C-alpha atoms as a PDB file:
ATOM      1  CA  MET A   1      -0.031  -0.075  -0.087  1.00  0.00           C
ATOM      2  CA  ASP A   2       1.239   3.399  -0.898  1.00  0.00           C
ATOM      3  CA  PHE A   3       0.568   5.835   1.997  1.00  0.00           C
ATOM      4  CA  ASP A   4       1.475   8.879   0.075  1.00  0.00           C
ATOM      5  CA  ALA A   5      -2.164   9.553  -0.809  1.00  0.00           C
ATOM      6  CA  LEU A   6      -2.889   9.619   3.047  1.00  0.00           C
ATOM      7  CA  PHE A   7      -0.205  12.078   3.793  1.00  0.00           C
ATOM      8  CA  ALA A   8      -0.543  14.319   0.695  1.00  0.00           C
ATOM      9  CA  GLY A   9      -2.031  17.615   1.758  1.00  0.00           C
ATOM     10  CA  LEU A  10      -1.767  16.637   5.393  1.00  0.00           C
ATOM     11  CA  ALA A  11       0.316  19.100   7.564  1.00  0.00           C
ATOM     12  CA  PHE A  12       2.154  16.060   8.780  1.00  0.00           C
ATOM     13  CA  GLN A  13       3.328  16.134  12.319  1.00  0.00           C
ATOM     14  CA  VAL A  14       4.996  13.224  14.035  1.00  0.00           C
ATOM     15  CA  GLY A  15       3.818  12.633  17.686  1.00  0.00           C
ATOM     16  CA  GLY A  16       1.709  15.473  19.162  1.00  0.00           C
ATOM     17  CA  ASP A  17      -2.014  15.140  19.968  1.00  0.00           C
ATOM     18  CA  GLY A  18      -2.591  13.521  16.578  1.00  0.00           C
ATOM     19  CA  TYR A  19      -5.499  14.065  14.033  1.00  0.00           C
ATOM     20  CA  THR A  20      -9.110  13.259  14.291  1.00  0.00           C
ATOM     21  CA  THR A  21     -10.611  11.633  11.287  1.00  0.00           C
ATOM     22  CA  ALA A  22     -12.476  14.888  10.460  1.00  0.00           C
ATOM     23  CA  GLU A  23      -9.110  16.786  10.573  1.00  0.00           C
ATOM     24  CA  ILE A  24      -7.604  14.337   8.110  1.00  0.00           C
ATOM     25  CA  MET A  25     -10.573  14.532   5.716  1.00  0.00           C
ATOM     26  CA  GLU A  26     -10.378  18.326   5.818  1.00  0.00           C
ATOM     27  CA  GLN A  27      -6.774  18.451   5.196  1.00  0.00           C
ATOM     28  CA  THR A  28      -6.529  15.771   2.460  1.00  0.00           C
ATOM     29  CA  GLY A  29      -9.947  16.290   0.734  1.00  0.00           C
ATOM     30  CA  MET A  30     -10.598  12.503   0.826  1.00  0.00           C
ATOM     31  CA  SER A  31     -14.013  11.074   1.340  1.00  0.00           C
ATOM     32  CA  PRO A  32     -15.075   9.677   4.862  1.00  0.00           C
ATOM     33  CA  GLU A  33     -14.929   6.124   3.456  1.00  0.00           C
ATOM     34  CA  LEU A  34     -11.460   6.295   2.009  1.00  0.00           C
ATOM     35  CA  THR A  35     -10.124   8.213   4.976  1.00  0.00           C
ATOM     36  CA  ARG A  36     -11.178   5.444   7.448  1.00  0.00           C
ATOM     37  CA  ARG A  37      -9.832   2.834   5.000  1.00  0.00           C
ATOM     38  CA  ARG A  38      -6.444   4.711   4.767  1.00  0.00           C
ATOM     39  CA  ILE A  39      -6.262   5.055   8.610  1.00  0.00           C
ATOM     40  CA  LYS A  40      -6.981   1.265   9.123  1.00  0.00           C
ATOM     41  CA  GLN A  41      -4.277   0.485   6.687  1.00  0.00           C
ATOM     42  CA  ALA A  42      -1.774   2.987   8.257  1.00  0.00           C
ATOM     43  CA  LEU A  43      -2.553   1.284  11.810  1.00  0.00           C
ATOM     44  CA  ALA A  44      -1.978  -2.148  10.268  1.00  0.00           C
ATOM     45  CA  ALA A  45       1.330  -1.053   8.861  1.00  0.00           C
ATOM     46  CA  GLY A  46       2.457   0.450  12.208  1.00  0.00           C
ATOM     47  CA  LEU A  47       2.583   4.043  10.732  1.00  0.00           C
ATOM     48  CA  CYS A  48       0.199   5.376  13.436  1.00  0.00           C
ATOM     49  CA  ARG A  49      -1.412   4.556  16.748  1.00  0.00           C
ATOM     50  CA  VAL A  50      -4.779   5.455  18.256  1.00  0.00           C
ATOM     51  CA  GLY A  51      -4.805   8.029  21.040  1.00  0.00           C
ATOM     52  CA  ARG A  52      -7.497  10.448  22.472  1.00  0.00           C
ATOM     53  CA  LYS A  53      -7.745  14.110  21.816  1.00  0.00           C
ATOM     54  CA  LEU A  54     -10.099  16.667  23.481  1.00  0.00           C
ATOM     55  CA  VAL A  55     -12.224  18.546  21.156  1.00  0.00           C
ATOM     56  CA  GLN A  56     -14.969  21.050  21.528  1.00  0.00           C
ATOM     57  CA  ARG A  57     -18.230  19.551  20.336  1.00  0.00           C
ATOM     58  CA  ILE A  58     -20.808  21.610  18.576  1.00  0.00           C
ATOM     59  CA  ASP A  59     -22.804  22.185  21.871  1.00  0.00           C
ATOM     60  CA  GLY A  60     -19.739  23.554  23.524  1.00  0.00           C
ATOM     61  CA  ARG A  61     -18.728  20.654  25.534  1.00  0.00           C
ATOM     62  CA  VAL A  62     -15.265  19.323  25.454  1.00  0.00           C
ATOM     63  CA  ALA A  63     -15.062  15.507  24.686  1.00  0.00           C
ATOM     64  CA  PRO A  64     -12.212  13.023  24.204  1.00  0.00           C
ATOM     65  CA  VAL A  65     -12.352  11.660  20.757  1.00  0.00           C
ATOM     66  CA  PRO A  66     -10.212   9.065  18.861  1.00  0.00           C
ATOM     67  CA  ALA A  67      -7.086  10.713  17.298  1.00  0.00           C
ATOM     68  CA  TYR A  68      -4.413   9.057  15.046  1.00  0.00           C
ATOM     69  CA  VAL A  69      -0.793   9.775  16.143  1.00  0.00           C
ATOM     70  CA  PHE A  70       1.649   9.347  13.205  1.00  0.00           C
ATOM     71  CA  GLU A  71       4.798   7.711  14.155  1.00  0.00           C
ATOM     72  CA  GLY A  72       6.798   8.668  11.118  1.00  0.00           C
ATOM     73  CA  ARG A  73       7.841   6.595   8.114  1.00  0.00           C
END
């Protein structure tokens, strides 16, 4: 699998808080289905790990959501 499509357009950051699925979709322009598929492939290849990130929801509450922390290539 060529992961360049996943990282193309992504302001790539190793470590940190990671990216939510919505942030990856926004930065790469990929569809939700393609983004999820690429994330699963990156997880299987050991390119990222799942963490948690606090984000503000539409109702103003802060909630932990899954975030994907890229480990580098």
